[in-house]
C-alpha atoms as a PDB file:
ATOM      1  CA  MET A   1       0.000   0.000   0.000  1.00  0.00           C
ATOM      2  CA  VAL A   2       1.352   3.403  -0.985  1.00  0.00           C
ATOM      3  CA  VAL A   3       0.960   6.051   1.729  1.00  0.00           C
ATOM      4  CA  ALA A   4       0.390   9.567   0.448  1.00  0.00           C
ATOM      5  CA  PRO A   5       2.761  12.255   1.779  1.00  0.00           C
ATOM      6  CA  THR A   6       1.428  14.354   4.658  1.00  0.00           C
ATOM      7  CA  VAL A   7       0.823  17.905   3.473  1.00  0.00           C
ATOM      8  CA  LEU A   8       0.835  20.595   6.155  1.00  0.00           C
ATOM      9  CA  ALA A   9      -0.920  23.957   6.099  1.00  0.00           C
ATOM     10  CA  GLY A  10       0.445  26.085   3.278  1.00  0.00           C
ATOM     11  CA  GLY A  11       1.279  23.057   1.146  1.00  0.00           C
ATOM     12  CA  ALA A  12       4.530  22.109   2.904  1.00  0.00           C
ATOM     13  CA  LEU A  13       5.459  18.448   3.393  1.00  0.00           C
ATOM     14  CA  SER A  14       5.858  17.055   6.904  1.00  0.00           C
ATOM     15  CA  ARG A  15       9.426  16.594   8.143  1.00  0.00           C
ATOM     16  CA  VAL A  16       9.059  12.803   7.907  1.00  0.00           C
ATOM     17  CA  ASP A  17       8.205  13.097   4.223  1.00  0.00           C
ATOM     18  CA  GLN A  18      11.056  15.546   3.701  1.00  0.00           C
ATOM     19  CA  LEU A  19      13.436  13.030   5.296  1.00  0.00           C
ATOM     20  CA  LYS A  20      12.058  10.233   3.121  1.00  0.00           C
ATOM     21  CA  ALA A  21      12.641  12.327   0.000  1.00  0.00           C
ATOM     22  CA  GLN A  22      16.349  12.897   0.675  1.00  0.00           C
ATOM     23  CA  ILE A  23      18.923  10.835  -1.224  1.00  0.00           C
ATOM     24  CA  ARG A  24      20.635   8.357   1.113  1.00  0.00           C
ATOM     25  CA  ASN A  25      24.074   6.751   1.016  1.00  0.00           C
ATOM     26  CA  PRO A  26      24.457   2.955   0.753  1.00  0.00           C
ATOM     27  CA  GLY A  27      23.737   1.430   4.153  1.00  0.00           C
ATOM     28  CA  GLU A  28      22.136   4.584   5.546  1.00  0.00           C
ATOM     29  CA  ALA A  29      18.814   3.996   7.314  1.00  0.00           C
ATOM     30  CA  SER A  30      15.795   5.228   5.378  1.00  0.00           C
ATOM     31  CA  PHE A  31      12.747   3.924   7.264  1.00  0.00           C
ATOM     32  CA  PHE A  32      11.259   7.158   8.634  1.00  0.00           C
ATOM     33  CA  TYR A  33       8.016   7.403  10.575  1.00  0.00           C
ATOM     34  CA  ARG A  34       6.220   9.325  13.312  1.00  0.00           C
ATOM     35  CA  ASP A  35       6.733   7.703  16.718  1.00  0.00           C
ATOM     36  CA  HIS A  36       3.495   8.281  18.602  1.00  0.00           C
ATOM     37  CA  HIS A  37       4.891   7.075  21.944  1.00  0.00           C
ATOM     38  CA  PHE A  38       7.594   9.741  22.049  1.00  0.00           C
ATOM     39  CA  GLN A  39       5.743  12.188  19.778  1.00  0.00           C
ATOM     40  CA  TYR A  40       8.945  12.426  17.736  1.00  0.00           C
ATOM     41  CA  ASP A  41       9.908  11.933  14.135  1.00  0.00           C
ATOM     42  CA  ALA A  42      11.915   8.718  14.046  1.00  0.00           C
ATOM     43  CA  VAL A  43      14.103   6.490  11.896  1.00  0.00           C
ATOM     44  CA  LYS A  44      14.488   2.727  12.275  1.00  0.00           C
ATOM     45  CA  VAL A  45      18.014   1.327  11.825  1.00  0.00           C
ATOM     46  CA  LEU A  46      17.916  -2.186  10.376  1.00  0.00           C
ATOM     47  CA  PRO A  47      20.748  -4.746  10.681  1.00  0.00           C
ATOM     48  CA  GLY A  48      23.699  -3.559   8.612  1.00  0.00           C
ATOM     49  CA  GLU A  49      22.559   0.068   8.573  1.00  0.00           C
ATOM     50  CA  TYR A  50      23.634   3.278  10.305  1.00  0.00           C
ATOM     51  CA  PHE A  51      22.240   6.763  10.785  1.00  0.00           C
ATOM     52  CA  VAL A  52      23.932  10.033  11.779  1.00  0.00           C
ATOM     53  CA  SER A  53      22.093  13.294  12.405  1.00  0.00           C
ATOM     54  CA  THR A  54      22.198  16.752  13.923  1.00  0.00           C
ATOM     55  CA  GLU A  55      18.392  16.877  13.980  1.00  0.00           C
ATOM     56  CA  ASP A  56      16.153  16.442  17.010  1.00  0.00           C
ATOM     57  CA  LEU A  57      14.631  13.049  16.244  1.00  0.00           C
ATOM     58  CA  VAL A  58      14.782   9.521  17.656  1.00  0.00           C
ATOM     59  CA  VAL A  59      16.908   6.743  16.140  1.00  0.00           C
ATOM     60  CA  MET A  60      15.528   3.292  16.959  1.00  0.00           C
ATOM     61  CA  THR A  61      16.598  -0.319  16.531  1.00  0.00           C
ATOM     62  CA  VAL A  62      15.858  -3.784  17.932  1.00  0.00           C
ATOM     63  CA  LEU A  63      18.791  -5.998  18.951  1.00  0.00           C
ATOM     64  CA  GLY A  64      19.359  -9.651  19.744  1.00  0.00           C
ATOM     65  CA  SER A  65      22.976 -10.808  19.487  1.00  0.00           C
ATOM     66  CA  CYS A  66      23.764  -7.807  17.272  1.00  0.00           C
ATOM     67  CA  ILE A  67      25.405  -4.663  18.649  1.00  0.00           C
ATOM     68  CA  SER A  68      24.536  -0.998  18.298  1.00  0.00           C
ATOM     69  CA  ALA A  69      27.029   1.699  19.188  1.00  0.00           C
ATOM     70  CA  CYS A  70      25.495   5.109  19.845  1.00  0.00           C
ATOM     71  CA  ILE A  71      28.194   7.768  19.497  1.00  0.00           C
ATOM     72  CA  TRP A  72      27.749  11.505  19.822  1.00  0.00           C
ATOM     73  CA  ASP A  73      29.595  14.775  20.245  1.00  0.00           C
ATOM     74  CA  GLY A  74      27.703  16.973  22.683  1.00  0.00           C
ATOM     75  CA  LYS A  75      29.633  20.077  21.661  1.00  0.00           C
ATOM     76  CA  VAL A  76      28.301  20.043  18.094  1.00  0.00           C
ATOM     77  CA  ARG A  77      25.091  18.163  18.999  1.00  0.00           C
ATOM     78  CA  ALA A  78      25.647  15.404  16.467  1.00  0.00           C
ATOM     79  CA  GLY A  79      25.117  11.709  17.037  1.00  0.00           C
ATOM     80  CA  GLY A  80      24.672   8.417  15.265  1.00  0.00           C
ATOM     81  CA  MET A  81      23.877   4.729  15.647  1.00  0.00           C
ATOM     82  CA  ASN A  82      24.961   1.607  13.786  1.00  0.00           C
ATOM     83  CA  HIS A  83      23.716  -1.994  13.940  1.00  0.00           C
ATOM     84  CA  PHE A  84      26.202  -4.734  13.121  1.00  0.00           C
ATOM     85  CA  MET A  85      25.848  -8.498  13.153  1.00  0.00           C
ATOM     86  CA  LEU A  86      29.388  -9.926  13.325  1.00  0.00           C
ATOM     87  CA  PRO A  87      32.822  -8.507  14.226  1.00  0.00           C
ATOM     88  CA  ASP A  88      34.493  -9.102  10.858  1.00  0.00           C
ATOM     89  CA  GLY A  89      33.562  -9.943   7.291  1.00  0.00           C
ATOM     90  CA  ASP A  90      33.422  -8.720   3.705  1.00  0.00           C
ATOM     91  CA  SER A  91      32.704  -4.984   4.020  1.00  0.00           C
ATOM     92  CA  VAL A  92      32.283  -4.580   0.261  1.00  0.00           C
ATOM     93  CA  ASP A  93      29.231  -6.830   0.106  1.00  0.00           C
ATOM     94  CA  GLY A  94      28.023  -6.433   3.666  1.00  0.00           C
ATOM     95  CA  PHE A  95      28.257  -2.672   4.163  1.00  0.00           C
ATOM     96  CA  GLY A  96      27.622  -2.190   7.873  1.00  0.00           C
ATOM     97  CA  ARG A  97      26.792  -5.784   8.792  1.00  0.00           C
ATOM     98  CA  TYR A  98      30.326  -6.257  10.145  1.00  0.00           C
ATOM     99  CA  GLY A  99      31.685  -4.409  13.143  1.00  0.00           C
ATOM    100  CA  SER A 100      35.039  -3.330  11.744  1.00  0.00           C
ATOM    101  CA  TYR A 101      33.369  -1.537   8.834  1.00  0.00           C
ATOM    102  CA  ALA A 102      30.288  -0.379  10.757  1.00  0.00           C
ATOM    103  CA  MET A 103      32.348   1.415  13.402  1.00  0.00           C
ATOM    104  CA  GLU A 104      34.616   3.103  10.863  1.00  0.00           C
ATOM    105  CA  LEU A 105      31.593   4.203   8.837  1.00  0.00           C
ATOM    106  CA  LEU A 106      29.778   5.636  11.868  1.00  0.00           C
ATOM    107  CA  ILE A 107      32.790   7.601  13.119  1.00  0.00           C
ATOM    108  CA  ASN A 108      33.625   8.954   9.656  1.00  0.00           C
ATOM    109  CA  GLU A 109      30.044  10.148   9.123  1.00  0.00           C
ATOM    110  CA  LEU A 110      30.130  11.919  12.499  1.00  0.00           C
ATOM    111  CA  LEU A 111      33.372  13.649  11.521  1.00  0.00           C
ATOM    112  CA  LYS A 112      31.654  14.866   8.342  1.00  0.00           C
ATOM    113  CA  LYS A 113      28.956  16.433  10.549  1.00  0.00           C
ATOM    114  CA  GLY A 114      31.598  18.431  12.408  1.00  0.00           C
ATOM    115  CA  ALA A 115      32.157  16.103  15.360  1.00  0.00           C
ATOM    116  CA  ARG A 116      35.668  15.812  16.791  1.00  0.00           C
ATOM    117  CA  ARG A 117      37.086  12.471  17.820  1.00  0.00           C
ATOM    118  CA  GLU A 118      38.336  13.812  21.161  1.00  0.00           C
ATOM    119  CA  SER A 119      34.815  14.999  22.030  1.00  0.00           C
ATOM    120  CA  MET A 120      33.019  11.765  21.153  1.00  0.00           C
ATOM    121  CA  GLN A 121      31.362   9.548  23.746  1.00  0.00           C
ATOM    122  CA  ALA A 122      29.741   6.161  23.245  1.00  0.00           C
ATOM    123  CA  LYS A 123      26.958   4.020  24.628  1.00  0.00           C
ATOM    124  CA  VAL A 124      26.845   0.341  23.648  1.00  0.00           C
ATOM    125  CA  PHE A 125      23.907  -2.069  23.531  1.00  0.00           C
ATOM    126  CA  GLY A 126      23.046  -5.630  22.516  1.00  0.00           C
ATOM    127  CA  GLY A 127      25.081  -8.816  22.434  1.00  0.00           C
ATOM    128  CA  ALA A 128      22.350 -10.953  23.984  1.00  0.00           C
ATOM    129  CA  ALA A 129      22.553 -14.750  24.025  1.00  0.00           C
ATOM    130  CA  VAL A 130      19.162 -15.203  22.369  1.00  0.00           C
ATOM    131  CA  MET A 131      19.793 -18.859  21.486  1.00  0.00           C
ATOM    132  CA  ALA A 132      19.924 -21.384  24.319  1.00  0.00           C
ATOM    133  CA  GLY A 133      22.507 -24.143  24.519  1.00  0.00           C
ATOM    134  CA  PHE A 134      25.729 -22.366  23.565  1.00  0.00           C
ATOM    135  CA  THR A 135      28.778 -24.019  25.126  1.00  0.00           C
ATOM    136  CA  THR A 136      31.401 -21.837  23.470  1.00  0.00           C
ATOM    137  CA  MET A 137      31.822 -18.111  23.160  1.00  0.00           C
ATOM    138  CA  ASN A 138      28.617 -17.005  21.426  1.00  0.00           C
ATOM    139  CA  VAL A 139      28.074 -14.334  18.808  1.00  0.00           C
ATOM    140  CA  GLY A 140      26.787 -11.797  21.329  1.00  0.00           C
ATOM    141  CA  GLU A 141      29.930 -12.122  23.442  1.00  0.00           C
ATOM    142  CA  ARG A 142      32.175 -11.832  20.387  1.00  0.00           C
ATOM    143  CA  ASN A 143      30.333  -8.726  19.207  1.00  0.00           C
ATOM    144  CA  THR A 144      30.475  -7.146  22.655  1.00  0.00           C
ATOM    145  CA  LYS A 145      34.196  -7.802  23.080  1.00  0.00           C
ATOM    146  CA  PHE A 146      34.874  -6.425  19.609  1.00  0.00           C
ATOM    147  CA  VAL A 147      33.040  -3.125  20.070  1.00  0.00           C
ATOM    148  CA  LEU A 148      34.483  -2.429  23.525  1.00  0.00           C
ATOM    149  CA  ASP A 149      38.016  -3.204  22.322  1.00  0.00           C
ATOM    150  CA  TYR A 150      37.503  -1.054  19.219  1.00  0.00           C
ATOM    151  CA  LEU A 151      36.309   1.958  21.191  1.00  0.00           C
ATOM    152  CA  ALA A 152      39.163   1.574  23.681  1.00  0.00           C
ATOM    153  CA  THR A 153      41.665   1.540  20.808  1.00  0.00           C
ATOM    154  CA  GLU A 154      40.044   4.655  19.316  1.00  0.00           C
ATOM    155  CA  ARG A 155      40.060   6.309  22.760  1.00  0.00           C
ATOM    156  CA  ILE A 156      36.334   6.972  22.643  1.00  0.00           C
ATOM    157  CA  PRO A 157      35.017   6.565  26.203  1.00  0.00           C
ATOM    158  CA  VAL A 158      32.069   4.236  26.788  1.00  0.00           C
ATOM    159  CA  VAL A 159      29.937   6.120  29.295  1.00  0.00           C
ATOM    160  CA  SER A 160      27.103   3.586  29.424  1.00  0.00           C
ATOM    161  CA  GLN A 161      26.404   0.051  28.272  1.00  0.00           C
ATOM    162  CA  ASP A 162      23.658  -2.559  28.478  1.00  0.00           C
ATOM    163  CA  VAL A 163      25.065  -5.713  26.917  1.00  0.00           C
ATOM    164  CA  LEU A 164      25.060  -9.533  27.097  1.00  0.00           C
ATOM    165  CA  ASP A 165      22.394 -11.287  29.237  1.00  0.00           C
ATOM    166  CA  ILE A 166      19.617 -13.179  27.410  1.00  0.00           C
ATOM    167  CA  HIS A 167      17.158 -10.389  26.608  1.00  0.00           C
ATOM    168  CA  PRO A 168      16.606  -8.737  23.234  1.00  0.00           C
ATOM    169  CA  ARG A 169      16.507  -4.952  23.457  1.00  0.00           C
ATOM    170  CA  LYS A 170      14.733  -2.050  21.850  1.00  0.00           C
ATOM    171  CA  VAL A 171      17.063   0.971  21.800  1.00  0.00           C
ATOM    172  CA  CYS A 172      15.912   4.560  21.264  1.00  0.00           C
ATOM    173  CA  PHE A 173      18.696   7.116  20.789  1.00  0.00           C
ATOM    174  CA  PHE A 174      18.339  10.898  20.684  1.00  0.00           C
ATOM    175  CA  PRO A 175      21.393  12.032  18.671  1.00  0.00           C
ATOM    176  CA  VAL A 176      21.335  15.710  19.640  1.00  0.00           C
ATOM    177  CA  THR A 177      21.525  15.059  23.395  1.00  0.00           C
ATOM    178  CA  GLY A 178      23.051  11.578  23.531  1.00  0.00           C
ATOM    179  CA  LYS A 179      20.127  10.327  25.621  1.00  0.00           C
ATOM    180  CA  VAL A 180      19.237   6.647  25.212  1.00  0.00           C
ATOM    181  CA  LEU A 181      16.200   4.705  26.385  1.00  0.00           C
ATOM    182  CA  VAL A 182      16.474   0.914  26.445  1.00  0.00           C
ATOM    183  CA  LYS A 183      13.631  -1.549  26.761  1.00  0.00           C
ATOM    184  CA  ARG A 184      14.487  -5.164  27.538  1.00  0.00           C
ATOM    185  CA  LEU A 185      12.079  -7.412  25.693  1.00  0.00           C
ATOM    186  CA  ALA A 186      10.661 -10.814  26.508  1.00  0.00           C
ATOM    187  CA  HIS A 187      10.431 -13.297  23.663  1.00  0.00           C
ATOM    188  CA  SER A 188       8.914 -16.741  23.464  1.00  0.00           C
ATOM    189  CA  HIS A 189      10.653 -17.858  20.264  1.00  0.00           C
ATOM    190  CA  PRO A 190      14.388 -17.057  20.475  1.00  0.00           C
ATOM    191  CA  GLU A 191      15.212 -19.169  17.413  1.00  0.00           C
ATOM    192  CA  THR A 192      12.874 -17.023  15.306  1.00  0.00           C
ATOM    193  CA  LEU A 193      14.473 -13.831  16.630  1.00  0.00           C
ATOM    194  CA  ALA A 194      17.978 -15.038  15.784  1.00  0.00           C
ATOM    195  CA  VAL A 195      17.034 -16.124  12.258  1.00  0.00           C
ATOM    196  CA  GLU A 196      15.135 -12.941  11.456  1.00  0.00           C
ATOM    197  CA  GLU A 197      17.919 -10.760  12.884  1.00  0.00           C
ATOM    198  CA  ARG A 198      20.413 -12.468  10.572  1.00  0.00           C
ATOM    199  CA  LYS A 199      18.042 -11.818   7.659  1.00  0.00           C
ATOM    200  CA  GLY A 200      17.740  -8.159   8.599  1.00  0.00           C
ATOM    201  CA  ASN A 201      13.997  -8.397   9.223  1.00  0.00           C
ATOM    202  CA  ALA A 202      13.500  -5.836  11.977  1.00  0.00           C
ATOM    203  CA  ALA A 203       9.700  -5.911  11.679  1.00  0.00           C
ATOM    204  CA  THR A 204       9.589  -9.622  12.543  1.00  0.00           C
ATOM    205  CA  VAL A 205      12.139  -9.125  15.325  1.00  0.00           C
ATOM    206  CA  ALA A 206       9.990  -6.407  16.877  1.00  0.00           C
ATOM    207  CA  LYS A 207       6.898  -8.624  16.706  1.00  0.00           C
ATOM    208  CA  ALA A 208       8.701 -11.639  18.184  1.00  0.00           C
ATOM    209  CA  THR A 209       9.983  -9.605  21.141  1.00  0.00           C
ATOM    210  CA  SER A 210       6.811  -7.777  22.139  1.00  0.00           C
ATOM    211  CA  GLY A 211       5.515  -7.821  25.704  1.00  0.00           C
ATOM    212  CA  GLY A 212       6.967  -8.353  29.168  1.00  0.00           C
ATOM    213  CA  SER A 213       9.388  -5.459  29.013  1.00  0.00           C
ATOM    214  CA  VAL A 214      11.112  -3.162  31.497  1.00  0.00           C
ATOM    215  CA  ASP A 215      12.299   0.359  30.694  1.00  0.00           C
ATOM    216  CA  LEU A 216      15.882   1.134  31.673  1.00  0.00           C
ATOM    217  CA  PHE A 217      17.138   4.710  31.792  1.00  0.00           C
END
């Protein structure tokens, strides 16, 4: 179904429709909508995507074993989020699905917005063990170790983190202020979550993880 653009008084398009109309880079999130819970314009970051902005909106994603790094520079009020699936891989074909490329891409896009590396701070989320029965180091642990080591090497301080455990998470990031709201989600079918996350199907992930949640601030 095609949704008609929202036309405001005077014939102007809504900001969501203006955002949708902008040309996006490969791997840049492009799913814009109006979040009625926060009463904010929002963008959903799917697995392998990123988004950087200086605008007052909310950047959202849903995580299982994947990781999202939220990095911002409070001095220039610019921030961004990525969503990667594995620490290393073929960056040419995978864009931001792999941590080594996703982190470099996020930081470089922030620098283009005027952020300075020495002013950046990070918050890190995800890395859940959503599949039962692992006896070796699981994907969530590998992803978590990678991102924390990467940020330490880049000398970007991690001021907050909610990682590992067994719970999927919904993460809402406000790039201008650096504020993050995290909701831990209950899920009855962890195998479905893991498969759909690998496929990049955020809509199915969100449905599979609905209910039984606690807000963390």
